[in-house]
Amino acid sequence: MYTYKHSLGLCFYYENQTTDRTLDETLKITATGVEIMNSDLNEDNQVNILLGPGENKLIELSAKKNNWSVQSSVFYKIESNS
């Protein structure tokens, strides 16, 4: 997982570079002044991420105010596909 801050907000980029493992992760986001784009955010402000080998996912947070903040916490497990 990579985090990129840019002039319009923030991105979380996930890429599974393995050939035999699956990432199962829950990303909890607490944010002020941003809108979470292109992801399935549940009622607990969590995004569930399940990536098999070679898969990727981008979660974008778009700033809606000049002053914005983001906090995140991660719960994950890595499973072998063999």
PDB file of N, CA and C in Angstrom:
ATOM      1  N   MET A   1       0.849  -1.160   0.000  1.00  0.00           N
ATOM      2  CA  MET A   1       0.000   0.000   0.000  1.00  0.00           C
ATOM      3  C   MET A   1       0.897   1.226   0.000  1.00  0.00           C
ATOM      4  N   TYR A   2       0.547   2.150  -0.864  1.00  0.00           N
ATOM      5  CA  TYR A   2       1.261   3.419  -0.960  1.00  0.00           C
ATOM      6  C   TYR A   2       0.257   4.530  -0.694  1.00  0.00           C
ATOM      7  N   THR A   3       0.700   5.588  -0.021  1.00  0.00           N
ATOM      8  CA  THR A   3      -0.125   6.757   0.227  1.00  0.00           C
ATOM      9  C   THR A   3       0.505   7.941  -0.479  1.00  0.00           C
ATOM     10  N   TYR A   4      -0.315   8.645  -1.277  1.00  0.00           N
ATOM     11  CA  TYR A   4       0.165   9.799  -2.023  1.00  0.00           C
ATOM     12  C   TYR A   4      -0.652  11.027  -1.669  1.00  0.00           C
ATOM     13  N   LYS A   5       0.006  12.064  -1.196  1.00  0.00           N
ATOM     14  CA  LYS A   5      -0.651  13.342  -0.950  1.00  0.00           C
ATOM     15  C   LYS A   5      -0.361  14.224  -2.153  1.00  0.00           C
ATOM     16  N   HIS A   6      -1.397  14.899  -2.637  1.00  0.00           N
ATOM     17  CA  HIS A   6      -1.230  15.799  -3.773  1.00  0.00           C
ATOM     18  C   HIS A   6      -2.100  17.027  -3.568  1.00  0.00           C
ATOM     19  N   SER A   7      -2.067  17.962  -4.487  1.00  0.00           N
ATOM     20  CA  SER A   7      -2.750  19.244  -4.304  1.00  0.00           C
ATOM     21  C   SER A   7      -4.269  19.124  -4.204  1.00  0.00           C
ATOM     22  N   LEU A   8      -4.844  18.048  -4.714  1.00  0.00           N
ATOM     23  CA  LEU A   8      -6.295  17.878  -4.691  1.00  0.00           C
ATOM     24  C   LEU A   8      -6.780  16.902  -3.628  1.00  0.00           C
ATOM     25  N   GLY A   9      -5.865  16.353  -2.835  1.00  0.00           N
ATOM     26  CA  GLY A   9      -6.275  15.423  -1.796  1.00  0.00           C
ATOM     27  C   GLY A   9      -5.242  14.360  -1.501  1.00  0.00           C
ATOM     28  N   LEU A  10      -5.708  13.113  -1.423  1.00  0.00           N
ATOM     29  CA  LEU A  10      -4.880  12.002  -0.994  1.00  0.00           C
ATOM     30  C   LEU A  10      -5.345  10.733  -1.706  1.00  0.00           C
ATOM     31  N   CYS A  11      -4.411   9.824  -1.978  1.00  0.00           N
ATOM     32  CA  CYS A  11      -4.734   8.525  -2.584  1.00  0.00           C
ATOM     33  C   CYS A  11      -4.103   7.406  -1.774  1.00  0.00           C
ATOM     34  N   PHE A  12      -4.827   6.310  -1.659  1.00  0.00           N
ATOM     35  CA  PHE A  12      -4.274   5.065  -1.151  1.00  0.00           C
ATOM     36  C   PHE A  12      -4.227   4.114  -2.344  1.00  0.00           C
ATOM     37  N   TYR A  13      -3.043   3.644  -2.680  1.00  0.00           N
ATOM     38  CA  TYR A  13      -2.890   2.728  -3.812  1.00  0.00           C
ATOM     39  C   TYR A  13      -2.413   1.382  -3.305  1.00  0.00           C
ATOM     40  N   TYR A  14      -3.170   0.344  -3.627  1.00  0.00           N
ATOM     41  CA  TYR A  14      -2.847  -1.019  -3.233  1.00  0.00           C
ATOM     42  C   TYR A  14      -2.453  -1.807  -4.470  1.00  0.00           C
ATOM     43  N   GLU A  15      -1.387  -2.581  -4.353  1.00  0.00           N
ATOM     44  CA  GLU A  15      -0.966  -3.455  -5.441  1.00  0.00           C
ATOM     45  C   GLU A  15      -0.429  -4.751  -4.846  1.00  0.00           C
ATOM     46  N   ASN A  16      -1.020  -5.860  -5.249  1.00  0.00           N
ATOM     47  CA  ASN A  16      -0.562  -7.167  -4.795  1.00  0.00           C
ATOM     48  C   ASN A  16       0.427  -7.686  -5.834  1.00  0.00           C
ATOM     49  N   GLN A  17       1.702  -7.643  -5.505  1.00  0.00           N
ATOM     50  CA  GLN A  17       2.750  -8.048  -6.430  1.00  0.00           C
ATOM     51  C   GLN A  17       3.143  -9.519  -6.262  1.00  0.00           C
ATOM     52  N   THR A  18       2.390 -10.255  -5.463  1.00  0.00           N
ATOM     53  CA  THR A  18       2.706 -11.667  -5.252  1.00  0.00           C
ATOM     54  C   THR A  18       2.047 -12.529  -6.332  1.00  0.00           C
ATOM     55  N   THR A  19       2.475 -13.768  -6.397  1.00  0.00           N
ATOM     56  CA  THR A  19       1.866 -14.727  -7.327  1.00  0.00           C
ATOM     57  C   THR A  19       1.036 -15.778  -6.605  1.00  0.00           C
ATOM     58  N   ASP A  20       1.103 -15.775  -5.255  1.00  0.00           N
ATOM     59  CA  ASP A  20       0.437 -16.845  -4.522  1.00  0.00           C
ATOM     60  C   ASP A  20      -0.193 -16.425  -3.198  1.00  0.00           C
ATOM     61  N   ARG A  21      -0.460 -15.126  -3.032  1.00  0.00           N
ATOM     62  CA  ARG A  21      -1.031 -14.675  -1.760  1.00  0.00           C
ATOM     63  C   ARG A  21      -2.180 -13.688  -2.016  1.00  0.00           C
ATOM     64  N   THR A  22      -3.113 -13.650  -1.069  1.00  0.00           N
ATOM     65  CA  THR A  22      -4.254 -12.740  -1.136  1.00  0.00           C
ATOM     66  C   THR A  22      -4.210 -11.806   0.064  1.00  0.00           C
ATOM     67  N   LEU A  23      -4.420 -10.527  -0.185  1.00  0.00           N
ATOM     68  CA  LEU A  23      -4.498  -9.523   0.877  1.00  0.00           C
ATOM     69  C   LEU A  23      -5.961  -9.303   1.224  1.00  0.00           C
ATOM     70  N   ASP A  24      -6.280  -9.408   2.491  1.00  0.00           N
ATOM     71  CA  ASP A  24      -7.624  -9.137   3.002  1.00  0.00           C
ATOM     72  C   ASP A  24      -7.453  -8.043   4.048  1.00  0.00           C
ATOM     73  N   GLU A  25      -7.890  -6.840   3.722  1.00  0.00           N
ATOM     74  CA  GLU A  25      -7.611  -5.691   4.585  1.00  0.00           C
ATOM     75  C   GLU A  25      -8.860  -4.852   4.799  1.00  0.00           C
ATOM     76  N   THR A  26      -8.955  -4.281   5.978  1.00  0.00           N
ATOM     77  CA  THR A  26      -9.984  -3.297   6.292  1.00  0.00           C
ATOM     78  C   THR A  26      -9.278  -1.988   6.610  1.00  0.00           C
ATOM     79  N   LEU A  27      -9.598  -0.963   5.842  1.00  0.00           N
ATOM     80  CA  LEU A  27      -9.026   0.370   6.024  1.00  0.00           C
ATOM     81  C   LEU A  27     -10.105   1.241   6.648  1.00  0.00           C
ATOM     82  N   LYS A  28      -9.851   1.750   7.846  1.00  0.00           N
ATOM     83  CA  LYS A  28     -10.791   2.651   8.510  1.00  0.00           C
ATOM     84  C   LYS A  28     -10.296   4.071   8.307  1.00  0.00           C
ATOM     85  N   ILE A  29     -11.193   4.933   7.826  1.00  0.00           N
ATOM     86  CA  ILE A  29     -10.828   6.313   7.499  1.00  0.00           C
ATOM     87  C   ILE A  29     -11.659   7.272   8.337  1.00  0.00           C
ATOM     88  N   THR A  30     -10.973   8.185   9.007  1.00  0.00           N
ATOM     89  CA  THR A  30     -11.619   9.291   9.701  1.00  0.00           C
ATOM     90  C   THR A  30     -11.123  10.554   9.023  1.00  0.00           C
ATOM     91  N   ALA A  31     -12.031  11.292   8.392  1.00  0.00           N
ATOM     92  CA  ALA A  31     -11.611  12.421   7.567  1.00  0.00           C
ATOM     93  C   ALA A  31     -12.502  13.631   7.793  1.00  0.00           C
ATOM     94  N   THR A  32     -11.896  14.803   7.633  1.00  0.00           N
ATOM     95  CA  THR A  32     -12.600  16.070   7.693  1.00  0.00           C
ATOM     96  C   THR A  32     -12.237  16.871   6.457  1.00  0.00           C
ATOM     97  N   GLY A  33     -13.236  17.385   5.758  1.00  0.00           N
ATOM     98  CA  GLY A  33     -12.988  18.247   4.611  1.00  0.00           C
ATOM     99  C   GLY A  33     -12.619  17.523   3.336  1.00  0.00           C
ATOM    100  N   VAL A  34     -12.835  16.200   3.268  1.00  0.00           N
ATOM    101  CA  VAL A  34     -12.560  15.444   2.048  1.00  0.00           C
ATOM    102  C   VAL A  34     -13.760  14.552   1.718  1.00  0.00           C
ATOM    103  N   GLU A  35     -13.854  14.196   0.447  1.00  0.00           N
ATOM    104  CA  GLU A  35     -14.852  13.240  -0.009  1.00  0.00           C
ATOM    105  C   GLU A  35     -14.127  11.992  -0.479  1.00  0.00           C
ATOM    106  N   ILE A  36     -14.583  10.842  -0.053  1.00  0.00           N
ATOM    107  CA  ILE A  36     -13.963   9.586  -0.450  1.00  0.00           C
ATOM    108  C   ILE A  36     -14.593   9.143  -1.757  1.00  0.00           C
ATOM    109  N   MET A  37     -13.762   9.025  -2.780  1.00  0.00           N
ATOM    110  CA  MET A  37     -14.220   8.714  -4.128  1.00  0.00           C
ATOM    111  C   MET A  37     -14.049   7.215  -4.401  1.00  0.00           C
ATOM    112  N   ASN A  38     -14.728   6.729  -5.393  1.00  0.00           N
ATOM    113  CA  ASN A  38     -14.588   5.400  -6.005  1.00  0.00           C
ATOM    114  C   ASN A  38     -14.293   4.253  -5.040  1.00  0.00           C
ATOM    115  N   SER A  39     -14.955   4.222  -3.921  1.00  0.00           N
ATOM    116  CA  SER A  39     -14.789   3.067  -3.037  1.00  0.00           C
ATOM    117  C   SER A  39     -16.094   2.808  -2.293  1.00  0.00           C
ATOM    118  N   ASP A  40     -16.213   1.614  -1.786  1.00  0.00           N
ATOM    119  CA  ASP A  40     -17.407   1.204  -1.057  1.00  0.00           C
ATOM    120  C   ASP A  40     -17.177   1.410   0.433  1.00  0.00           C
ATOM    121  N   LEU A  41     -17.441   2.603   0.897  1.00  0.00           N
ATOM    122  CA  LEU A  41     -17.276   2.947   2.307  1.00  0.00           C
ATOM    123  C   LEU A  41     -18.521   2.487   3.060  1.00  0.00           C
ATOM    124  N   ASN A  42     -18.342   1.685   4.108  1.00  0.00           N
ATOM    125  CA  ASN A  42     -19.516   1.227   4.861  1.00  0.00           C
ATOM    126  C   ASN A  42     -19.883   2.228   5.953  1.00  0.00           C
ATOM    127  N   GLU A  43     -20.914   1.906   6.715  1.00  0.00           N
ATOM    128  CA  GLU A  43     -21.424   2.833   7.729  1.00  0.00           C
ATOM    129  C   GLU A  43     -20.434   3.094   8.861  1.00  0.00           C
ATOM    130  N   ASP A  44     -19.417   2.255   9.014  1.00  0.00           N
ATOM    131  CA  ASP A  44     -18.388   2.448  10.038  1.00  0.00           C
ATOM    132  C   ASP A  44     -17.158   3.168   9.484  1.00  0.00           C
ATOM    133  N   ASN A  45     -17.305   3.811   8.322  1.00  0.00           N
ATOM    134  CA  ASN A  45     -16.194   4.511   7.652  1.00  0.00           C
ATOM    135  C   ASN A  45     -15.041   3.559   7.343  1.00  0.00           C
ATOM    136  N   GLN A  46     -15.381   2.354   6.910  1.00  0.00           N
ATOM    137  CA  GLN A  46     -14.381   1.358   6.580  1.00  0.00           C
ATOM    138  C   GLN A  46     -14.519   0.929   5.129  1.00  0.00           C
ATOM    139  N   VAL A  47     -13.372   0.637   4.521  1.00  0.00           N
ATOM    140  CA  VAL A  47     -13.329   0.090   3.170  1.00  0.00           C
ATOM    141  C   VAL A  47     -12.713  -1.299   3.272  1.00  0.00           C
ATOM    142  N   ASN A  48     -13.395  -2.297   2.731  1.00  0.00           N
ATOM    143  CA  ASN A  48     -12.864  -3.659   2.714  1.00  0.00           C
ATOM    144  C   ASN A  48     -12.125  -3.875   1.402  1.00  0.00           C
ATOM    145  N   ILE A  49     -10.894  -4.353   1.497  1.00  0.00           N
ATOM    146  CA  ILE A  49     -10.036  -4.546   0.342  1.00  0.00           C
ATOM    147  C   ILE A  49      -9.639  -6.011   0.289  1.00  0.00           C
ATOM    148  N   LEU A  50      -9.946  -6.651  -0.816  1.00  0.00           N
ATOM    149  CA  LEU A  50      -9.574  -8.044  -1.033  1.00  0.00           C
ATOM    150  C   LEU A  50      -8.876  -8.108  -2.385  1.00  0.00           C
ATOM    151  N   LEU A  51      -7.554  -8.352  -2.358  1.00  0.00           N
ATOM    152  CA  LEU A  51      -6.757  -8.360  -3.585  1.00  0.00           C
ATOM    153  C   LEU A  51      -6.057  -9.692  -3.763  1.00  0.00           C
ATOM    154  N   GLY A  52      -6.348 -10.328  -4.879  1.00  0.00           N
ATOM    155  CA  GLY A  52      -5.648 -11.541  -5.241  1.00  0.00           C
ATOM    156  C   GLY A  52      -4.345 -11.204  -5.943  1.00  0.00           C
ATOM    157  N   PRO A  53      -3.577 -12.217  -6.297  1.00  0.00           N
ATOM    158  CA  PRO A  53      -2.300 -11.999  -6.971  1.00  0.00           C
ATOM    159  C   PRO A  53      -2.450 -11.121  -8.227  1.00  0.00           C
ATOM    160  N   GLY A  54      -1.589 -10.108  -8.336  1.00  0.00           N
ATOM    161  CA  GLY A  54      -1.572  -9.234  -9.501  1.00  0.00           C
ATOM    162  C   GLY A  54      -2.649  -8.167  -9.545  1.00  0.00           C
ATOM    163  N   GLU A  55      -3.538  -8.113  -8.552  1.00  0.00           N
ATOM    164  CA  GLU A  55      -4.625  -7.131  -8.565  1.00  0.00           C
ATOM    165  C   GLU A  55      -4.194  -5.830  -7.888  1.00  0.00           C
ATOM    166  N   ASN A  56      -4.914  -4.731  -8.205  1.00  0.00           N
ATOM    167  CA  ASN A  56      -4.640  -3.451  -7.562  1.00  0.00           C
ATOM    168  C   ASN A  56      -5.950  -2.714  -7.309  1.00  0.00           C
ATOM    169  N   LYS A  57      -5.857  -1.697  -6.452  1.00  0.00           N
ATOM    170  CA  LYS A  57      -7.029  -0.889  -6.102  1.00  0.00           C
ATOM    171  C   LYS A  57      -6.557   0.507  -5.725  1.00  0.00           C
ATOM    172  N   LEU A  58      -7.313   1.516  -6.148  1.00  0.00           N
ATOM    173  CA  LEU A  58      -7.016   2.909  -5.840  1.00  0.00           C
ATOM    174  C   LEU A  58      -8.199   3.500  -5.079  1.00  0.00           C
ATOM    175  N   ILE A  59      -7.911   4.116  -3.942  1.00  0.00           N
ATOM    176  CA  ILE A  59      -8.920   4.820  -3.164  1.00  0.00           C
ATOM    177  C   ILE A  59      -8.507   6.286  -3.146  1.00  0.00           C
ATOM    178  N   GLU A  60      -9.378   7.158  -3.665  1.00  0.00           N
ATOM    179  CA  GLU A  60      -9.067   8.579  -3.759  1.00  0.00           C
ATOM    180  C   GLU A  60      -9.878   9.368  -2.740  1.00  0.00           C
ATOM    181  N   LEU A  61      -9.236  10.319  -2.112  1.00  0.00           N
ATOM    182  CA  LEU A  61      -9.896  11.252  -1.212  1.00  0.00           C
ATOM    183  C   LEU A  61      -9.701  12.635  -1.802  1.00  0.00           C
ATOM    184  N   SER A  62     -10.790  13.293  -2.146  1.00  0.00           N
ATOM    185  CA  SER A  62     -10.749  14.598  -2.800  1.00  0.00           C
ATOM    186  C   SER A  62     -11.040  15.701  -1.777  1.00  0.00           C
ATOM    187  N   ALA A  63     -10.130  16.672  -1.688  1.00  0.00           N
ATOM    188  CA  ALA A  63     -10.285  17.770  -0.730  1.00  0.00           C
ATOM    189  C   ALA A  63     -11.462  18.653  -1.123  1.00  0.00           C
ATOM    190  N   LYS A  64     -12.319  18.960  -0.161  1.00  0.00           N
ATOM    191  CA  LYS A  64     -13.463  19.845  -0.377  1.00  0.00           C
ATOM    192  C   LYS A  64     -13.282  21.179   0.339  1.00  0.00           C
ATOM    193  N   LYS A  65     -12.249  21.273   1.158  1.00  0.00           N
ATOM    194  CA  LYS A  65     -11.921  22.498   1.899  1.00  0.00           C
ATOM    195  C   LYS A  65     -10.419  22.703   1.830  1.00  0.00           C
ATOM    196  N   ASN A  66      -9.971  23.927   2.117  1.00  0.00           N
ATOM    197  CA  ASN A  66      -8.528  24.189   2.153  1.00  0.00           C
ATOM    198  C   ASN A  66      -7.857  23.469   3.313  1.00  0.00           C
ATOM    199  N   ASN A  67      -8.533  23.413   4.439  1.00  0.00           N
ATOM    200  CA  ASN A  67      -8.004  22.712   5.612  1.00  0.00           C
ATOM    201  C   ASN A  67      -8.711  21.368   5.718  1.00  0.00           C
ATOM    202  N   TRP A  68      -7.971  20.299   5.501  1.00  0.00           N
ATOM    203  CA  TRP A  68      -8.544  18.971   5.588  1.00  0.00           C
ATOM    204  C   TRP A  68      -7.598  18.076   6.351  1.00  0.00           C
ATOM    205  N   SER A  69      -8.149  17.008   6.892  1.00  0.00           N
ATOM    206  CA  SER A  69      -7.319  16.048   7.623  1.00  0.00           C
ATOM    207  C   SER A  69      -7.856  14.637   7.411  1.00  0.00           C
ATOM    208  N   VAL A  70      -6.937  13.677   7.471  1.00  0.00           N
ATOM    209  CA  VAL A  70      -7.284  12.279   7.288  1.00  0.00           C
ATOM    210  C   VAL A  70      -6.500  11.452   8.288  1.00  0.00           C
ATOM    211  N   GLN A  71      -7.186  10.561   8.965  1.00  0.00           N
ATOM    212  CA  GLN A  71      -6.549   9.567   9.819  1.00  0.00           C
ATOM    213  C   GLN A  71      -7.010   8.206   9.321  1.00  0.00           C
ATOM    214  N   SER A  72      -6.104   7.243   9.369  1.00  0.00           N
ATOM    215  CA  SER A  72      -6.487   5.907   8.928  1.00  0.00           C
ATOM    216  C   SER A  72      -5.880   4.864   9.853  1.00  0.00           C
ATOM    217  N   SER A  73      -6.556   3.740   9.920  1.00  0.00           N
ATOM    218  CA  SER A  73      -6.020   2.580  10.622  1.00  0.00           C
ATOM    219  C   SER A  73      -6.290   1.363   9.752  1.00  0.00           C
ATOM    220  N   VAL A  74      -5.429   0.369   9.897  1.00  0.00           N
ATOM    221  CA  VAL A  74      -5.454  -0.785   9.009  1.00  0.00           C
ATOM    222  C   VAL A  74      -5.497  -2.076   9.818  1.00  0.00           C
ATOM    223  N   PHE A  75      -6.347  -2.998   9.390  1.00  0.00           N
ATOM    224  CA  PHE A  75      -6.409  -4.346   9.936  1.00  0.00           C
ATOM    225  C   PHE A  75      -6.291  -5.280   8.742  1.00  0.00           C
ATOM    226  N   TYR A  76      -5.309  -6.173   8.745  1.00  0.00           N
ATOM    227  CA  TYR A  76      -5.113  -6.999   7.557  1.00  0.00           C
ATOM    228  C   TYR A  76      -4.663  -8.415   7.894  1.00  0.00           C
ATOM    229  N   LYS A  77      -4.825  -9.275   6.885  1.00  0.00           N
ATOM    230  CA  LYS A  77      -4.242 -10.611   6.933  1.00  0.00           C
ATOM    231  C   LYS A  77      -3.831 -10.979   5.514  1.00  0.00           C
ATOM    232  N   ILE A  78      -2.795 -11.778   5.429  1.00  0.00           N
ATOM    233  CA  ILE A  78      -2.272 -12.243   4.147  1.00  0.00           C
ATOM    234  C   ILE A  78      -2.418 -13.760   4.140  1.00  0.00           C
ATOM    235  N   GLU A  79      -3.105 -14.264   3.126  1.00  0.00           N
ATOM    236  CA  GLU A  79      -3.371 -15.688   3.050  1.00  0.00           C
ATOM    237  C   GLU A  79      -2.634 -16.305   1.863  1.00  0.00           C
ATOM    238  N   SER A  80      -2.096 -17.464   2.073  1.00  0.00           N
ATOM    239  CA  SER A  80      -1.449 -18.208   0.996  1.00  0.00           C
ATOM    240  C   SER A  80      -2.511 -18.884   0.136  1.00  0.00           C
ATOM    241  N   ASN A  81      -2.349 -18.810  -1.180  1.00  0.00           N
ATOM    242  CA  ASN A  81      -3.302 -19.441  -2.101  1.00  0.00           C
ATOM    243  C   ASN A  81      -2.926 -20.883  -2.409  1.00  0.00           C
ATOM    244  N   SER A  82      -1.831 -21.368  -1.845  1.00  0.00           N
ATOM    245  CA  SER A  82      -1.407 -22.733  -2.173  1.00  0.00           C
ATOM    246  C   SER A  82      -1.914 -23.744  -1.186  1.00  0.00           C
TER     247      SER A  82
END
